[in-house]
Amino acid sequence: MAGPAGTDKTVAAQVLARELTRPLYRVDLSSIVSKYIGQTEKNLNALFGAAEATGAILMFDEVDAIFGKRTQVRMLTTDIPTSKSAMY
């Protein structure tokens, strides 16, 4: 979810988690990201492992503060063969 502060993105995540009867982990990225080589990856691995074990929904709060300006993603389309004979 994206939007300006105060638009209830967190509330929406809480409602979604409650409707799916799953725990919601609100992740503070400052506790995950490390200046030490490999530590961020270890922290993320532990976080995703815990979420998988409990079926939790992860909500990365204020992620744009770490990852910077949001960019628009464009989908690229290619011709994909639709039959086995077209692949040879």
PDB file of N, CA and C in Angstrom:
ATOM      1  N   MET A   1       0.845  -1.174   0.000  1.00  0.00           N
ATOM      2  CA  MET A   1       0.000   0.000   0.000  1.00  0.00           C
ATOM      3  C   MET A   1       0.886   1.230   0.000  1.00  0.00           C
ATOM      4  N   ALA A   2       0.418   2.241  -0.635  1.00  0.00           N
ATOM      5  CA  ALA A   2       1.154   3.489  -0.672  1.00  0.00           C
ATOM      6  C   ALA A   2       0.173   4.629  -0.533  1.00  0.00           C
ATOM      7  N   GLY A   3       0.643   5.701   0.039  1.00  0.00           N
ATOM      8  CA  GLY A   3      -0.201   6.876   0.179  1.00  0.00           C
ATOM      9  C   GLY A   3       0.353   7.797   1.236  1.00  0.00           C
ATOM     10  N   PRO A   4      -0.188   8.980   1.306  1.00  0.00           N
ATOM     11  CA  PRO A   4       0.305   9.945   2.280  1.00  0.00           C
ATOM     12  C   PRO A   4       0.016   9.495   3.712  1.00  0.00           C
ATOM     13  N   ALA A   5       0.745  10.072   4.624  1.00  0.00           N
ATOM     14  CA  ALA A   5       0.540   9.770   6.046  1.00  0.00           C
ATOM     15  C   ALA A   5      -0.903  10.078   6.434  1.00  0.00           C
ATOM     16  N   GLY A   6      -1.435   9.263   7.313  1.00  0.00           N
ATOM     17  CA  GLY A   6      -2.781   9.498   7.808  1.00  0.00           C
ATOM     18  C   GLY A   6      -3.892   8.930   6.959  1.00  0.00           C
ATOM     19  N   THR A   7      -3.558   8.084   5.989  1.00  0.00           N
ATOM     20  CA  THR A   7      -4.603   7.507   5.135  1.00  0.00           C
ATOM     21  C   THR A   7      -4.991   6.094   5.567  1.00  0.00           C
ATOM     22  N   ASP A   8      -4.580   5.717   6.770  1.00  0.00           N
ATOM     23  CA  ASP A   8      -4.984   4.447   7.392  1.00  0.00           C
ATOM     24  C   ASP A   8      -4.481   3.197   6.690  1.00  0.00           C
ATOM     25  N   LYS A   9      -3.273   3.262   6.152  1.00  0.00           N
ATOM     26  CA  LYS A   9      -2.674   2.066   5.550  1.00  0.00           C
ATOM     27  C   LYS A   9      -2.450   0.993   6.606  1.00  0.00           C
ATOM     28  N   THR A  10      -2.006   1.401   7.795  1.00  0.00           N
ATOM     29  CA  THR A  10      -1.777   0.445   8.880  1.00  0.00           C
ATOM     30  C   THR A  10      -3.091  -0.188   9.320  1.00  0.00           C
ATOM     31  N   VAL A  11      -4.122   0.609   9.432  1.00  0.00           N
ATOM     32  CA  VAL A  11      -5.438   0.085   9.812  1.00  0.00           C
ATOM     33  C   VAL A  11      -5.923  -0.917   8.775  1.00  0.00           C
ATOM     34  N   ALA A  12      -5.714  -0.618   7.502  1.00  0.00           N
ATOM     35  CA  ALA A  12      -6.114  -1.541   6.440  1.00  0.00           C
ATOM     36  C   ALA A  12      -5.372  -2.866   6.568  1.00  0.00           C
ATOM     37  N   ALA A  13      -4.074  -2.814   6.873  1.00  0.00           N
ATOM     38  CA  ALA A  13      -3.290  -4.042   7.065  1.00  0.00           C
ATOM     39  C   ALA A  13      -3.806  -4.831   8.263  1.00  0.00           C
ATOM     40  N   GLN A  14      -4.179  -4.137   9.332  1.00  0.00           N
ATOM     41  CA  GLN A  14      -4.714  -4.807  10.518  1.00  0.00           C
ATOM     42  C   GLN A  14      -6.047  -5.489  10.209  1.00  0.00           C
ATOM     43  N   VAL A  15      -6.889  -4.818   9.457  1.00  0.00           N
ATOM     44  CA  VAL A  15      -8.182  -5.402   9.083  1.00  0.00           C
ATOM     45  C   VAL A  15      -7.970  -6.629   8.203  1.00  0.00           C
ATOM     46  N   LEU A  16      -7.072  -6.524   7.243  1.00  0.00           N
ATOM     47  CA  LEU A  16      -6.761  -7.646   6.361  1.00  0.00           C
ATOM     48  C   LEU A  16      -6.270  -8.848   7.168  1.00  0.00           C
ATOM     49  N   ALA A  17      -5.346  -8.617   8.086  1.00  0.00           N
ATOM     50  CA  ALA A  17      -4.813  -9.702   8.910  1.00  0.00           C
ATOM     51  C   ALA A  17      -5.917 -10.325   9.767  1.00  0.00           C
ATOM     52  N   ARG A  18      -6.760  -9.480  10.335  1.00  0.00           N
ATOM     53  CA  ARG A  18      -7.848 -10.005  11.171  1.00  0.00           C
ATOM     54  C   ARG A  18      -8.821 -10.836  10.341  1.00  0.00           C
ATOM     55  N   GLU A  19      -9.174 -10.358   9.150  1.00  0.00           N
ATOM     56  CA  GLU A  19     -10.097 -11.096   8.287  1.00  0.00           C
ATOM     57  C   GLU A  19      -9.513 -12.436   7.845  1.00  0.00           C
ATOM     58  N   LEU A  20      -8.192 -12.476   7.672  1.00  0.00           N
ATOM     59  CA  LEU A  20      -7.522 -13.723   7.270  1.00  0.00           C
ATOM     60  C   LEU A  20      -7.128 -14.573   8.473  1.00  0.00           C
ATOM     61  N   THR A  21      -7.448 -14.098   9.662  1.00  0.00           N
ATOM     62  CA  THR A  21      -7.079 -14.738  10.937  1.00  0.00           C
ATOM     63  C   THR A  21      -5.593 -15.099  10.982  1.00  0.00           C
ATOM     64  N   ARG A  22      -4.787 -14.119  10.642  1.00  0.00           N
ATOM     65  CA  ARG A  22      -3.331 -14.281  10.674  1.00  0.00           C
ATOM     66  C   ARG A  22      -2.722 -13.162  11.503  1.00  0.00           C
ATOM     67  N   PRO A  23      -1.600 -13.457  12.149  1.00  0.00           N
ATOM     68  CA  PRO A  23      -0.932 -12.373  12.879  1.00  0.00           C
ATOM     69  C   PRO A  23      -0.331 -11.363  11.905  1.00  0.00           C
ATOM     70  N   LEU A  24      -0.212 -10.133  12.349  1.00  0.00           N
ATOM     71  CA  LEU A  24       0.399  -9.079  11.554  1.00  0.00           C
ATOM     72  C   LEU A  24       1.693  -8.664  12.233  1.00  0.00           C
ATOM     73  N   TYR A  25       2.793  -8.784  11.522  1.00  0.00           N
ATOM     74  CA  TYR A  25       4.082  -8.315  12.024  1.00  0.00           C
ATOM     75  C   TYR A  25       4.347  -6.960  11.397  1.00  0.00           C
ATOM     76  N   ARG A  26       4.369  -5.934  12.208  1.00  0.00           N
ATOM     77  CA  ARG A  26       4.701  -4.587  11.737  1.00  0.00           C
ATOM     78  C   ARG A  26       6.205  -4.430  11.885  1.00  0.00           C
ATOM     79  N   VAL A  27       6.907  -4.335  10.768  1.00  0.00           N
ATOM     80  CA  VAL A  27       8.365  -4.377  10.750  1.00  0.00           C
ATOM     81  C   VAL A  27       8.946  -2.971  10.698  1.00  0.00           C
ATOM     82  N   ASP A  28       9.792  -2.669  11.665  1.00  0.00           N
ATOM     83  CA  ASP A  28      10.550  -1.419  11.677  1.00  0.00           C
ATOM     84  C   ASP A  28      11.875  -1.709  10.984  1.00  0.00           C
ATOM     85  N   LEU A  29      12.063  -1.162   9.797  1.00  0.00           N
ATOM     86  CA  LEU A  29      13.250  -1.490   9.019  1.00  0.00           C
ATOM     87  C   LEU A  29      14.551  -1.095   9.688  1.00  0.00           C
ATOM     88  N   SER A  30      14.523  -0.123  10.583  1.00  0.00           N
ATOM     89  CA  SER A  30      15.761   0.257  11.260  1.00  0.00           C
ATOM     90  C   SER A  30      16.274  -0.874  12.151  1.00  0.00           C
ATOM     91  N   SER A  31      15.394  -1.786  12.531  1.00  0.00           N
ATOM     92  CA  SER A  31      15.839  -2.927  13.333  1.00  0.00           C
ATOM     93  C   SER A  31      16.320  -4.085  12.458  1.00  0.00           C
ATOM     94  N   ILE A  32      16.114  -3.991  11.158  1.00  0.00           N
ATOM     95  CA  ILE A  32      16.497  -5.055  10.225  1.00  0.00           C
ATOM     96  C   ILE A  32      17.783  -4.715   9.486  1.00  0.00           C
ATOM     97  N   VAL A  33      17.872  -3.487   8.992  1.00  0.00           N
ATOM     98  CA  VAL A  33      19.008  -3.062   8.165  1.00  0.00           C
ATOM     99  C   VAL A  33      20.229  -2.821   9.052  1.00  0.00           C
ATOM    100  N   SER A  34      21.358  -3.363   8.606  1.00  0.00           N
ATOM    101  CA  SER A  34      22.603  -3.247   9.364  1.00  0.00           C
ATOM    102  C   SER A  34      23.729  -2.750   8.467  1.00  0.00           C
ATOM    103  N   LYS A  35      24.664  -2.061   9.059  1.00  0.00           N
ATOM    104  CA  LYS A  35      25.832  -1.599   8.298  1.00  0.00           C
ATOM    105  C   LYS A  35      26.869  -2.708   8.136  1.00  0.00           C
ATOM    106  N   TYR A  36      26.703  -3.794   8.852  1.00  0.00           N
ATOM    107  CA  TYR A  36      27.662  -4.894   8.798  1.00  0.00           C
ATOM    108  C   TYR A  36      27.323  -5.849   7.654  1.00  0.00           C
ATOM    109  N   ILE A  37      28.331  -6.243   6.924  1.00  0.00           N
ATOM    110  CA  ILE A  37      28.164  -7.111   5.761  1.00  0.00           C
ATOM    111  C   ILE A  37      27.479  -8.417   6.161  1.00  0.00           C
ATOM    112  N   GLY A  38      26.400  -8.723   5.460  1.00  0.00           N
ATOM    113  CA  GLY A  38      25.686  -9.975   5.676  1.00  0.00           C
ATOM    114  C   GLY A  38      24.663  -9.945   6.792  1.00  0.00           C
ATOM    115  N   GLN A  39      24.713  -8.960   7.661  1.00  0.00           N
ATOM    116  CA  GLN A  39      23.798  -8.944   8.804  1.00  0.00           C
ATOM    117  C   GLN A  39      22.363  -8.625   8.384  1.00  0.00           C
ATOM    118  N   THR A  40      22.183  -7.730   7.425  1.00  0.00           N
ATOM    119  CA  THR A  40      20.832  -7.422   6.949  1.00  0.00           C
ATOM    120  C   THR A  40      20.183  -8.672   6.380  1.00  0.00           C
ATOM    121  N   GLU A  41      20.947  -9.431   5.596  1.00  0.00           N
ATOM    122  CA  GLU A  41      20.415 -10.655   5.016  1.00  0.00           C
ATOM    123  C   GLU A  41      20.032 -11.656   6.099  1.00  0.00           C
ATOM    124  N   LYS A  42      20.864 -11.777   7.128  1.00  0.00           N
ATOM    125  CA  LYS A  42      20.543 -12.691   8.236  1.00  0.00           C
ATOM    126  C   LYS A  42      19.281 -12.243   8.952  1.00  0.00           C
ATOM    127  N   ASN A  43      19.151 -10.940   9.170  1.00  0.00           N
ATOM    128  CA  ASN A  43      17.965 -10.414   9.842  1.00  0.00           C
ATOM    129  C   ASN A  43      16.706 -10.669   9.015  1.00  0.00           C
ATOM    130  N   LEU A  44      16.794 -10.433   7.702  1.00  0.00           N
ATOM    131  CA  LEU A  44      15.650 -10.691   6.832  1.00  0.00           C
ATOM    132  C   LEU A  44      15.292 -12.170   6.797  1.00  0.00           C
ATOM    133  N   ASN A  45      16.300 -13.026   6.759  1.00  0.00           N
ATOM    134  CA  ASN A  45      16.065 -14.463   6.763  1.00  0.00           C
ATOM    135  C   ASN A  45      15.327 -14.884   8.035  1.00  0.00           C
ATOM    136  N   ALA A  46      15.753 -14.365   9.162  1.00  0.00           N
ATOM    137  CA  ALA A  46      15.082 -14.686  10.430  1.00  0.00           C
ATOM    138  C   ALA A  46      13.643 -14.169  10.434  1.00  0.00           C
ATOM    139  N   LEU A  47      13.448 -12.970   9.925  1.00  0.00           N
ATOM    140  CA  LEU A  47      12.113 -12.382   9.875  1.00  0.00           C
ATOM    141  C   LEU A  47      11.179 -13.205   8.994  1.00  0.00           C
ATOM    142  N   PHE A  48      11.633 -13.529   7.773  1.00  0.00           N
ATOM    143  CA  PHE A  48      10.792 -14.306   6.863  1.00  0.00           C
ATOM    144  C   PHE A  48      10.566 -15.718   7.389  1.00  0.00           C
ATOM    145  N   GLY A  49      11.557 -16.284   8.060  1.00  0.00           N
ATOM    146  CA  GLY A  49      11.384 -17.606   8.661  1.00  0.00           C
ATOM    147  C   GLY A  49      10.323 -17.592   9.743  1.00  0.00           C
ATOM    148  N   ALA A  50      10.348 -16.571  10.598  1.00  0.00           N
ATOM    149  CA  ALA A  50       9.347 -16.455  11.660  1.00  0.00           C
ATOM    150  C   ALA A  50       7.955 -16.228  11.070  1.00  0.00           C
ATOM    151  N   ALA A  51       7.876 -15.403  10.028  1.00  0.00           N
ATOM    152  CA  ALA A  51       6.582 -15.146   9.397  1.00  0.00           C
ATOM    153  C   ALA A  51       6.029 -16.409   8.747  1.00  0.00           C
ATOM    154  N   GLU A  52       6.905 -17.169   8.100  1.00  0.00           N
ATOM    155  CA  GLU A  52       6.458 -18.408   7.469  1.00  0.00           C
ATOM    156  C   GLU A  52       5.995 -19.419   8.518  1.00  0.00           C
ATOM    157  N   ALA A  53       6.710 -19.513   9.614  1.00  0.00           N
ATOM    158  CA  ALA A  53       6.369 -20.481  10.659  1.00  0.00           C
ATOM    159  C   ALA A  53       5.029 -20.170  11.321  1.00  0.00           C
ATOM    160  N   THR A  54       4.675 -18.904  11.388  1.00  0.00           N
ATOM    161  CA  THR A  54       3.439 -18.512  12.064  1.00  0.00           C
ATOM    162  C   THR A  54       2.320 -18.139  11.100  1.00  0.00           C
ATOM    163  N   GLY A  55       2.631 -18.069   9.807  1.00  0.00           N
ATOM    164  CA  GLY A  55       1.636 -17.652   8.830  1.00  0.00           C
ATOM    165  C   GLY A  55       1.342 -16.163   8.887  1.00  0.00           C
ATOM    166  N   ALA A  56       2.275 -15.397   9.421  1.00  0.00           N
ATOM    167  CA  ALA A  56       2.062 -13.965   9.619  1.00  0.00           C
ATOM    168  C   ALA A  56       2.114 -13.178   8.316  1.00  0.00           C
ATOM    169  N   ILE A  57       1.431 -12.069   8.331  1.00  0.00           N
ATOM    170  CA  ILE A  57       1.505 -11.081   7.264  1.00  0.00           C
ATOM    171  C   ILE A  57       2.539 -10.055   7.698  1.00  0.00           C
ATOM    172  N   LEU A  58       3.452  -9.721   6.798  1.00  0.00           N
ATOM    173  CA  LEU A  58       4.483  -8.728   7.111  1.00  0.00           C
ATOM    174  C   LEU A  58       4.086  -7.373   6.559  1.00  0.00           C
ATOM    175  N   MET A  59       4.209  -6.352   7.386  1.00  0.00           N
ATOM    176  CA  MET A  59       3.972  -4.991   6.948  1.00  0.00           C
ATOM    177  C   MET A  59       5.229  -4.186   7.238  1.00  0.00           C
ATOM    178  N   PHE A  60       5.907  -3.783   6.178  1.00  0.00           N
ATOM    179  CA  PHE A  60       7.119  -2.985   6.318  1.00  0.00           C
ATOM    180  C   PHE A  60       6.707  -1.522   6.390  1.00  0.00           C
ATOM    181  N   ASP A  61       6.726  -0.989   7.585  1.00  0.00           N
ATOM    182  CA  ASP A  61       6.286   0.378   7.815  1.00  0.00           C
ATOM    183  C   ASP A  61       7.369   1.369   7.406  1.00  0.00           C
ATOM    184  N   GLU A  62       6.959   2.425   6.734  1.00  0.00           N
ATOM    185  CA  GLU A  62       7.862   3.493   6.303  1.00  0.00           C
ATOM    186  C   GLU A  62       9.016   2.974   5.457  1.00  0.00           C
ATOM    187  N   VAL A  63       8.744   2.009   4.599  1.00  0.00           N
ATOM    188  CA  VAL A  63       9.782   1.398   3.767  1.00  0.00           C
ATOM    189  C   VAL A  63      10.409   2.409   2.810  1.00  0.00           C
ATOM    190  N   ASP A  64       9.654   3.418   2.407  1.00  0.00           N
ATOM    191  CA  ASP A  64      10.202   4.402   1.472  1.00  0.00           C
ATOM    192  C   ASP A  64      11.330   5.220   2.086  1.00  0.00           C
ATOM    193  N   ALA A  65      11.411   5.283   3.401  1.00  0.00           N
ATOM    194  CA  ALA A  65      12.508   6.001   4.047  1.00  0.00           C
ATOM    195  C   ALA A  65      13.842   5.318   3.783  1.00  0.00           C
ATOM    196  N   ILE A  66      13.819   4.006   3.606  1.00  0.00           N
ATOM    197  CA  ILE A  66      15.045   3.253   3.348  1.00  0.00           C
ATOM    198  C   ILE A  66      15.293   3.110   1.855  1.00  0.00           C
ATOM    199  N   PHE A  67      14.254   2.783   1.107  1.00  0.00           N
ATOM    200  CA  PHE A  67      14.417   2.473  -0.308  1.00  0.00           C
ATOM    201  C   PHE A  67      14.292   3.682  -1.225  1.00  0.00           C
ATOM    202  N   GLY A  68      14.007   4.824  -0.680  1.00  0.00           N
ATOM    203  CA  GLY A  68      13.987   6.043  -1.477  1.00  0.00           C
ATOM    204  C   GLY A  68      12.717   6.227  -2.263  1.00  0.00           C
ATOM    205  N   LYS A  69      12.809   7.029  -3.276  1.00  0.00           N
ATOM    206  CA  LYS A  69      11.661   7.402  -4.090  1.00  0.00           C
ATOM    207  C   LYS A  69      11.080   6.185  -4.795  1.00  0.00           C
ATOM    208  N   ARG A  70       9.773   6.104  -4.765  1.00  0.00           N
ATOM    209  CA  ARG A  70       9.100   5.007  -5.465  1.00  0.00           C
ATOM    210  C   ARG A  70       9.247   5.205  -6.964  1.00  0.00           C
ATOM    211  N   THR A  71       9.406   4.104  -7.651  1.00  0.00           N
ATOM    212  CA  THR A  71       9.504   4.171  -9.100  1.00  0.00           C
ATOM    213  C   THR A  71       8.354   3.408  -9.715  1.00  0.00           C
ATOM    214  N   GLN A  72       8.015   3.776 -10.911  1.00  0.00           N
ATOM    215  CA  GLN A  72       6.939   3.092 -11.620  1.00  0.00           C
ATOM    216  C   GLN A  72       7.515   1.857 -12.296  1.00  0.00           C
ATOM    217  N   VAL A  73       6.857   0.738 -12.121  1.00  0.00           N
ATOM    218  CA  VAL A  73       7.287  -0.514 -12.735  1.00  0.00           C
ATOM    219  C   VAL A  73       6.463  -0.721 -13.994  1.00  0.00           C
ATOM    220  N   ARG A  74       7.152  -1.004 -15.067  1.00  0.00           N
ATOM    221  CA  ARG A  74       6.468  -1.266 -16.334  1.00  0.00           C
ATOM    222  C   ARG A  74       6.596  -2.741 -16.654  1.00  0.00           C
ATOM    223  N   MET A  75       5.490  -3.322 -17.069  1.00  0.00           N
ATOM    224  CA  MET A  75       5.487  -4.728 -17.440  1.00  0.00           C
ATOM    225  C   MET A  75       5.930  -4.851 -18.888  1.00  0.00           C
ATOM    226  N   LEU A  76       6.843  -5.767 -19.140  1.00  0.00           N
ATOM    227  CA  LEU A  76       7.291  -6.041 -20.492  1.00  0.00           C
ATOM    228  C   LEU A  76       6.552  -7.264 -20.999  1.00  0.00           C
ATOM    229  N   THR A  77       6.080  -7.213 -22.217  1.00  0.00           N
ATOM    230  CA  THR A  77       5.395  -8.368 -22.782  1.00  0.00           C
ATOM    231  C   THR A  77       6.246  -8.952 -23.896  1.00  0.00           C
ATOM    232  N   THR A  78       6.203 -10.251 -24.002  1.00  0.00           N
ATOM    233  CA  THR A  78       6.911 -10.959 -25.074  1.00  0.00           C
ATOM    234  C   THR A  78       5.970 -11.982 -25.663  1.00  0.00           C
ATOM    235  N   ASP A  79       6.269 -12.394 -26.863  1.00  0.00           N
ATOM    236  CA  ASP A  79       5.474 -13.446 -27.483  1.00  0.00           C
ATOM    237  C   ASP A  79       5.879 -14.779 -26.875  1.00  0.00           C
ATOM    238  N   ILE A  80       4.917 -15.478 -26.335  1.00  0.00           N
ATOM    239  CA  ILE A  80       5.163 -16.774 -25.712  1.00  0.00           C
ATOM    240  C   ILE A  80       4.482 -17.826 -26.565  1.00  0.00           C
ATOM    241  N   PRO A  81       5.214 -18.873 -26.969  1.00  0.00           N
ATOM    242  CA  PRO A  81       4.589 -19.930 -27.777  1.00  0.00           C
ATOM    243  C   PRO A  81       3.396 -20.524 -27.053  1.00  0.00           C
ATOM    244  N   THR A  82       2.338 -20.775 -27.791  1.00  0.00           N
ATOM    245  CA  THR A  82       1.128 -21.314 -27.183  1.00  0.00           C
ATOM    246  C   THR A  82       0.956 -22.801 -27.406  1.00  0.00           C
ATOM    247  N   SER A  83       1.790 -23.372 -28.264  1.00  0.00           N
ATOM    248  CA  SER A  83       1.696 -24.815 -28.470  1.00  0.00           C
ATOM    249  C   SER A  83       3.101 -25.417 -28.446  1.00  0.00           C
ATOM    250  N   LYS A  84       3.148 -26.712 -28.183  1.00  0.00           N
ATOM    251  CA  LYS A  84       4.432 -27.401 -28.100  1.00  0.00           C
ATOM    252  C   LYS A  84       5.191 -27.320 -29.420  1.00  0.00           C
ATOM    253  N   SER A  85       4.482 -27.429 -30.548  1.00  0.00           N
ATOM    254  CA  SER A  85       5.152 -27.399 -31.847  1.00  0.00           C
ATOM    255  C   SER A  85       5.769 -26.029 -32.135  1.00  0.00           C
ATOM    256  N   ALA A  86       5.195 -24.976 -31.577  1.00  0.00           N
ATOM    257  CA  ALA A  86       5.710 -23.637 -31.800  1.00  0.00           C
ATOM    258  C   ALA A  86       7.033 -23.418 -31.077  1.00  0.00           C
ATOM    259  N   MET A  87       7.346 -24.288 -30.125  1.00  0.00           N
ATOM    260  CA  MET A  87       8.568 -24.139 -29.340  1.00  0.00           C
ATOM    261  C   MET A  87       9.780 -24.710 -30.059  1.00  0.00           C
ATOM    262  N   TYR A  88       9.560 -25.504 -31.120  1.00  0.00           N
ATOM    263  CA  TYR A  88      10.690 -26.161 -31.796  1.00  0.00           C
ATOM    264  C   TYR A  88      10.979 -25.572 -33.132  1.00  0.00           C
TER     265      TYR A  88
END
